[in-house]
Amino acid sequence: MIWILNIISGFSIAQTEYNLPPGESVPQNFVLRDYSYKLDELTDSMNTTGAEKQDFLDFLNYDQLDSLKQNDGSKFEYYNNARKYFDNLSIRLKIVYSKEELWYIYKYDTQLSSLLKNIW
């Protein structure tokens, strides 16, 4: 029984941990959206032919990213880790989820974000 309570309390703690860029805070009156239901859309036989490679950092051009590297190492590291995360996600996930939804999950839903890393 104690083990179950620990799992439940661990779940609530994990849901309050976010992966925000340095300097960004959680919006006021924030309510976490649950995008896990979209996992039901995944199938082994999904047609991934012609799926485009998305640039998840398209809001940062090369010069801006280089500037972050030189002037704000923590932000550069955050966005560099984000790029690696997105690059390693399954193409099927990139079809089911929009770029905006994947960013939302990466920033706010650490549990689902971790789960997505293990789906191929």
N, C-alpha and C. Protein backbone atom coordinates (compact mmCIF):
# COMPACT_ATOMS: atom_id res chain seq x y z
N MET A 1 0.83 -1.19 0.00
CA MET A 1 0.00 0.00 0.00
C MET A 1 0.87 1.26 0.00
N ILE A 2 1.93 1.25 0.79
CA ILE A 2 2.83 2.41 0.83
C ILE A 2 3.47 2.62 -0.53
N TRP A 3 3.83 1.52 -1.21
CA TRP A 3 4.44 1.60 -2.53
C TRP A 3 3.51 2.31 -3.52
N ILE A 4 2.22 1.99 -3.47
CA ILE A 4 1.24 2.63 -4.36
C ILE A 4 1.15 4.12 -4.06
N LEU A 5 1.14 4.49 -2.78
CA LEU A 5 1.09 5.90 -2.42
C LEU A 5 2.32 6.64 -2.91
N ASN A 6 3.48 5.99 -2.84
CA ASN A 6 4.71 6.61 -3.34
C ASN A 6 4.63 6.85 -4.85
N ILE A 7 4.06 5.89 -5.57
CA ILE A 7 3.92 6.06 -7.02
C ILE A 7 2.98 7.22 -7.32
N ILE A 8 1.86 7.28 -6.62
CA ILE A 8 0.90 8.35 -6.84
C ILE A 8 1.50 9.70 -6.51
N SER A 9 2.19 9.80 -5.38
CA SER A 9 2.79 11.08 -5.02
C SER A 9 3.92 11.43 -5.98
N GLY A 10 4.66 10.43 -6.45
CA GLY A 10 5.70 10.67 -7.44
C GLY A 10 5.14 11.18 -8.74
N PHE A 11 3.98 10.69 -9.12
CA PHE A 11 3.32 11.15 -10.35
C PHE A 11 2.96 12.62 -10.23
N SER A 12 2.40 13.01 -9.10
CA SER A 12 1.99 14.41 -8.96
C SER A 12 3.21 15.33 -8.90
N ILE A 13 4.29 14.87 -8.33
CA ILE A 13 5.51 15.68 -8.30
C ILE A 13 6.07 15.82 -9.72
N ALA A 14 6.10 14.70 -10.45
CA ALA A 14 6.65 14.74 -11.80
C ALA A 14 5.85 15.68 -12.70
N GLN A 15 4.57 15.77 -12.48
CA GLN A 15 3.74 16.62 -13.32
C GLN A 15 3.99 18.10 -13.05
N THR A 16 4.63 18.46 -11.96
CA THR A 16 4.91 19.86 -11.69
C THR A 16 6.33 20.24 -12.10
N GLU A 17 7.10 19.30 -12.61
CA GLU A 17 8.43 19.59 -13.10
C GLU A 17 8.33 19.87 -14.60
N TYR A 18 8.89 20.98 -14.99
CA TYR A 18 8.82 21.38 -16.39
C TYR A 18 10.22 21.47 -16.97
N ASN A 19 10.30 21.50 -18.27
CA ASN A 19 11.57 21.60 -18.97
C ASN A 19 11.56 22.87 -19.81
N LEU A 20 11.55 23.99 -19.13
CA LEU A 20 11.44 25.29 -19.80
C LEU A 20 12.81 25.85 -20.15
N PRO A 21 12.87 26.66 -21.20
CA PRO A 21 14.13 27.34 -21.50
C PRO A 21 14.53 28.24 -20.35
N PRO A 22 15.82 28.44 -20.16
CA PRO A 22 16.27 29.34 -19.09
C PRO A 22 15.61 30.71 -19.22
N GLY A 23 15.10 31.21 -18.09
CA GLY A 23 14.47 32.52 -18.07
C GLY A 23 12.98 32.50 -18.36
N GLU A 24 12.45 31.38 -18.83
CA GLU A 24 11.02 31.29 -19.12
C GLU A 24 10.30 30.70 -17.91
N SER A 25 9.11 31.22 -17.61
CA SER A 25 8.35 30.69 -16.49
C SER A 25 7.01 30.14 -16.98
N VAL A 26 6.40 29.35 -16.14
CA VAL A 26 5.10 28.77 -16.47
C VAL A 26 4.06 29.88 -16.52
N PRO A 27 3.23 29.89 -17.57
CA PRO A 27 2.20 30.93 -17.68
C PRO A 27 1.27 30.91 -16.47
N GLN A 28 0.75 32.07 -16.14
CA GLN A 28 -0.20 32.19 -15.04
C GLN A 28 -1.46 31.38 -15.38
N ASN A 29 -2.04 30.75 -14.39
CA ASN A 29 -3.24 29.91 -14.55
C ASN A 29 -3.02 28.75 -15.52
N PHE A 30 -1.80 28.26 -15.58
CA PHE A 30 -1.45 27.17 -16.48
C PHE A 30 -2.16 25.88 -16.09
N VAL A 31 -2.75 25.22 -17.08
CA VAL A 31 -3.35 23.90 -16.90
C VAL A 31 -2.73 22.99 -17.95
N LEU A 32 -2.14 21.90 -17.50
CA LEU A 32 -1.45 20.98 -18.40
C LEU A 32 -2.44 20.29 -19.33
N ARG A 33 -2.18 20.38 -20.62
CA ARG A 33 -2.97 19.64 -21.62
C ARG A 33 -2.39 18.25 -21.75
N ASP A 34 -3.24 17.26 -21.85
CA ASP A 34 -2.80 15.88 -21.98
C ASP A 34 -2.88 15.45 -23.44
N TYR A 35 -1.72 15.29 -24.06
CA TYR A 35 -1.65 14.85 -25.45
C TYR A 35 -1.40 13.35 -25.58
N SER A 36 -1.43 12.63 -24.48
CA SER A 36 -1.15 11.20 -24.55
C SER A 36 -2.19 10.43 -25.36
N TYR A 37 -3.40 10.96 -25.46
CA TYR A 37 -4.45 10.27 -26.23
C TYR A 37 -4.04 10.08 -27.69
N LYS A 38 -3.16 10.91 -28.20
CA LYS A 38 -2.76 10.81 -29.60
C LYS A 38 -1.90 9.58 -29.87
N LEU A 39 -1.40 8.97 -28.81
CA LEU A 39 -0.61 7.74 -28.98
C LEU A 39 -1.48 6.62 -29.56
N ASP A 40 -2.78 6.72 -29.37
CA ASP A 40 -3.70 5.72 -29.92
C ASP A 40 -3.69 5.74 -31.44
N GLU A 41 -3.23 6.83 -32.04
CA GLU A 41 -3.20 6.95 -33.50
C GLU A 41 -1.99 6.26 -34.13
N LEU A 42 -1.04 5.85 -33.29
CA LEU A 42 0.16 5.20 -33.81
C LEU A 42 -0.15 3.77 -34.22
N THR A 43 0.33 3.39 -35.38
CA THR A 43 0.22 2.00 -35.82
C THR A 43 1.55 1.59 -36.45
N ASP A 44 1.81 0.29 -36.42
CA ASP A 44 3.04 -0.21 -37.03
C ASP A 44 3.03 -0.05 -38.54
N SER A 45 1.85 0.02 -39.11
CA SER A 45 1.75 0.08 -40.56
C SER A 45 1.51 1.50 -41.08
N MET A 46 1.85 2.51 -40.25
CA MET A 46 1.66 3.90 -40.70
C MET A 46 2.49 4.17 -41.94
N ASN A 47 1.92 4.88 -42.86
CA ASN A 47 2.63 5.27 -44.07
C ASN A 47 3.49 6.49 -43.75
N THR A 48 4.79 6.30 -43.73
CA THR A 48 5.72 7.40 -43.44
C THR A 48 6.41 7.89 -44.71
N THR A 49 6.02 7.33 -45.84
CA THR A 49 6.60 7.75 -47.11
C THR A 49 6.27 9.21 -47.38
N GLY A 50 7.28 9.96 -47.68
CA GLY A 50 7.07 11.37 -48.01
C GLY A 50 6.94 12.28 -46.79
N ALA A 51 7.10 11.72 -45.61
CA ALA A 51 7.01 12.56 -44.41
C ALA A 51 8.21 13.51 -44.39
N GLU A 52 7.91 14.78 -44.24
CA GLU A 52 8.96 15.79 -44.27
C GLU A 52 9.73 15.82 -42.96
N LYS A 53 11.02 16.11 -43.07
CA LYS A 53 11.81 16.35 -41.88
C LYS A 53 11.50 17.78 -41.42
N GLN A 54 11.08 17.91 -40.18
CA GLN A 54 10.71 19.22 -39.66
C GLN A 54 11.90 19.85 -38.93
N ASP A 55 12.02 21.15 -39.04
CA ASP A 55 13.04 21.88 -38.30
C ASP A 55 12.36 22.44 -37.06
N PHE A 56 12.64 21.85 -35.92
CA PHE A 56 11.98 22.26 -34.68
C PHE A 56 12.56 23.54 -34.11
N LEU A 57 13.67 23.99 -34.67
CA LEU A 57 14.26 25.26 -34.22
C LEU A 57 14.19 26.29 -35.33
N ASP A 58 13.15 26.24 -36.14
CA ASP A 58 13.06 27.16 -37.26
C ASP A 58 12.89 28.62 -36.84
N PHE A 59 12.59 28.85 -35.58
CA PHE A 59 12.47 30.23 -35.08
C PHE A 59 13.83 30.82 -34.73
N LEU A 60 14.89 30.00 -34.77
CA LEU A 60 16.25 30.48 -34.53
C LEU A 60 17.07 30.25 -35.79
N ASN A 61 17.55 31.32 -36.40
CA ASN A 61 18.42 31.13 -37.56
C ASN A 61 19.84 30.82 -37.08
N TYR A 62 20.71 30.51 -38.00
CA TYR A 62 22.07 30.11 -37.66
C TYR A 62 22.79 31.18 -36.85
N ASP A 63 22.64 32.45 -37.24
CA ASP A 63 23.32 33.54 -36.53
C ASP A 63 22.81 33.68 -35.09
N GLN A 64 21.51 33.53 -34.90
CA GLN A 64 20.95 33.62 -33.55
C GLN A 64 21.44 32.47 -32.68
N LEU A 65 21.49 31.29 -33.25
CA LEU A 65 21.97 30.13 -32.50
C LEU A 65 23.45 30.30 -32.15
N ASP A 66 24.23 30.80 -33.09
CA ASP A 66 25.64 31.05 -32.84
C ASP A 66 25.82 32.12 -31.76
N SER A 67 24.96 33.14 -31.79
CA SER A 67 25.00 34.18 -30.78
C SER A 67 24.70 33.61 -29.39
N LEU A 68 23.72 32.72 -29.32
CA LEU A 68 23.41 32.06 -28.04
C LEU A 68 24.61 31.26 -27.55
N LYS A 69 25.27 30.59 -28.46
CA LYS A 69 26.44 29.78 -28.09
C LYS A 69 27.52 30.66 -27.46
N GLN A 70 27.70 31.84 -28.03
CA GLN A 70 28.73 32.75 -27.54
C GLN A 70 28.32 33.50 -26.28
N ASN A 71 27.02 33.86 -26.18
CA ASN A 71 26.60 34.78 -25.13
C ASN A 71 25.71 34.20 -24.03
N ASP A 72 25.07 33.08 -24.30
CA ASP A 72 24.15 32.50 -23.32
C ASP A 72 24.22 30.98 -23.41
N GLY A 73 25.25 30.45 -22.78
CA GLY A 73 25.52 29.01 -22.86
C GLY A 73 24.37 28.14 -22.39
N SER A 74 23.64 28.58 -21.37
CA SER A 74 22.55 27.75 -20.85
C SER A 74 21.39 27.66 -21.84
N LYS A 75 21.07 28.77 -22.51
CA LYS A 75 20.01 28.73 -23.53
C LYS A 75 20.47 27.92 -24.74
N PHE A 76 21.73 28.11 -25.14
CA PHE A 76 22.25 27.33 -26.26
C PHE A 76 22.16 25.84 -25.94
N GLU A 77 22.55 25.45 -24.74
CA GLU A 77 22.51 24.04 -24.34
C GLU A 77 21.07 23.52 -24.34
N TYR A 78 20.13 24.33 -23.85
CA TYR A 78 18.72 23.94 -23.84
C TYR A 78 18.24 23.65 -25.26
N TYR A 79 18.46 24.58 -26.18
CA TYR A 79 17.97 24.41 -27.55
C TYR A 79 18.75 23.33 -28.31
N ASN A 80 20.00 23.16 -28.00
CA ASN A 80 20.78 22.09 -28.61
C ASN A 80 20.27 20.73 -28.15
N ASN A 81 19.96 20.60 -26.85
CA ASN A 81 19.38 19.36 -26.33
C ASN A 81 17.99 19.12 -26.93
N ALA A 82 17.22 20.19 -27.11
CA ALA A 82 15.90 20.06 -27.72
C ALA A 82 16.03 19.54 -29.16
N ARG A 83 16.97 20.08 -29.90
CA ARG A 83 17.18 19.63 -31.28
C ARG A 83 17.51 18.13 -31.30
N LYS A 84 18.40 17.70 -30.42
CA LYS A 84 18.76 16.28 -30.36
C LYS A 84 17.53 15.43 -30.01
N TYR A 85 16.73 15.90 -29.07
CA TYR A 85 15.52 15.19 -28.67
C TYR A 85 14.59 15.02 -29.87
N PHE A 86 14.29 16.11 -30.57
CA PHE A 86 13.37 16.06 -31.70
C PHE A 86 13.94 15.22 -32.85
N ASP A 87 15.23 15.34 -33.10
CA ASP A 87 15.84 14.57 -34.18
C ASP A 87 15.74 13.07 -33.92
N ASN A 88 15.73 12.67 -32.65
CA ASN A 88 15.70 11.26 -32.31
C ASN A 88 14.30 10.69 -32.15
N LEU A 89 13.27 11.51 -32.26
CA LEU A 89 11.91 10.99 -32.17
C LEU A 89 11.55 10.20 -33.43
N SER A 90 10.70 9.24 -33.25
CA SER A 90 10.22 8.43 -34.36
C SER A 90 9.49 9.30 -35.38
N ILE A 91 9.65 8.96 -36.63
CA ILE A 91 8.94 9.68 -37.69
C ILE A 91 7.43 9.54 -37.50
N ARG A 92 7.01 8.40 -36.96
CA ARG A 92 5.57 8.19 -36.72
C ARG A 92 5.03 9.23 -35.72
N LEU A 93 5.83 9.55 -34.71
CA LEU A 93 5.41 10.56 -33.73
C LEU A 93 5.32 11.93 -34.39
N LYS A 94 6.24 12.20 -35.30
CA LYS A 94 6.25 13.50 -35.98
C LYS A 94 5.09 13.64 -36.96
N ILE A 95 4.49 12.52 -37.33
CA ILE A 95 3.30 12.56 -38.17
C ILE A 95 2.06 12.77 -37.30
N VAL A 96 1.99 12.07 -36.19
CA VAL A 96 0.82 12.13 -35.31
C VAL A 96 0.73 13.46 -34.57
N TYR A 97 1.88 13.96 -34.12
CA TYR A 97 1.91 15.21 -33.36
C TYR A 97 2.40 16.35 -34.24
N SER A 98 1.82 17.52 -34.06
CA SER A 98 2.32 18.71 -34.75
C SER A 98 3.60 19.18 -34.06
N LYS A 99 4.32 20.04 -34.75
CA LYS A 99 5.54 20.61 -34.17
C LYS A 99 5.22 21.36 -32.88
N GLU A 100 4.12 22.10 -32.87
CA GLU A 100 3.72 22.86 -31.69
C GLU A 100 3.38 21.93 -30.53
N GLU A 101 2.70 20.83 -30.82
CA GLU A 101 2.36 19.87 -29.77
C GLU A 101 3.62 19.22 -29.19
N LEU A 102 4.57 18.88 -30.05
CA LEU A 102 5.82 18.28 -29.55
C LEU A 102 6.62 19.26 -28.70
N TRP A 103 6.63 20.53 -29.09
CA TRP A 103 7.30 21.53 -28.25
C TRP A 103 6.59 21.65 -26.90
N TYR A 104 5.28 21.66 -26.93
CA TYR A 104 4.50 21.76 -25.69
C TYR A 104 4.85 20.57 -24.78
N ILE A 105 4.85 19.38 -25.33
CA ILE A 105 5.17 18.19 -24.56
C ILE A 105 6.59 18.29 -24.01
N TYR A 106 7.53 18.70 -24.84
CA TYR A 106 8.94 18.81 -24.42
C TYR A 106 9.08 19.78 -23.24
N LYS A 107 8.35 20.88 -23.30
CA LYS A 107 8.48 21.91 -22.26
C LYS A 107 7.68 21.61 -20.99
N TYR A 108 6.49 21.08 -21.15
CA TYR A 108 5.57 21.01 -20.01
C TYR A 108 5.23 19.60 -19.51
N ASP A 109 5.30 18.59 -20.34
CA ASP A 109 4.89 17.25 -19.91
C ASP A 109 6.10 16.32 -19.93
N THR A 110 6.88 16.37 -18.87
CA THR A 110 8.13 15.62 -18.83
C THR A 110 7.90 14.11 -18.86
N GLN A 111 6.79 13.65 -18.30
CA GLN A 111 6.51 12.21 -18.33
C GLN A 111 6.25 11.74 -19.76
N LEU A 112 5.38 12.42 -20.47
CA LEU A 112 5.09 12.03 -21.85
C LEU A 112 6.32 12.22 -22.72
N SER A 113 7.07 13.27 -22.48
CA SER A 113 8.29 13.52 -23.23
C SER A 113 9.26 12.34 -23.10
N SER A 114 9.41 11.83 -21.90
CA SER A 114 10.28 10.66 -21.68
C SER A 114 9.73 9.42 -22.37
N LEU A 115 8.43 9.24 -22.31
CA LEU A 115 7.80 8.10 -22.95
C LEU A 115 8.02 8.12 -24.47
N LEU A 116 7.88 9.29 -25.07
CA LEU A 116 8.01 9.41 -26.53
C LEU A 116 9.40 9.00 -27.01
N LYS A 117 10.41 9.19 -26.18
CA LYS A 117 11.78 8.82 -26.58
C LYS A 117 11.92 7.33 -26.82
N ASN A 118 11.02 6.54 -26.23
CA ASN A 118 11.13 5.09 -26.32
C ASN A 118 10.18 4.48 -27.34
N ILE A 119 9.52 5.29 -28.13
CA ILE A 119 8.59 4.79 -29.14
C ILE A 119 9.23 4.86 -30.51
N TRP A 120 9.21 3.75 -31.21
CA TRP A 120 9.76 3.72 -32.57
C TRP A 120 8.69 3.23 -33.48
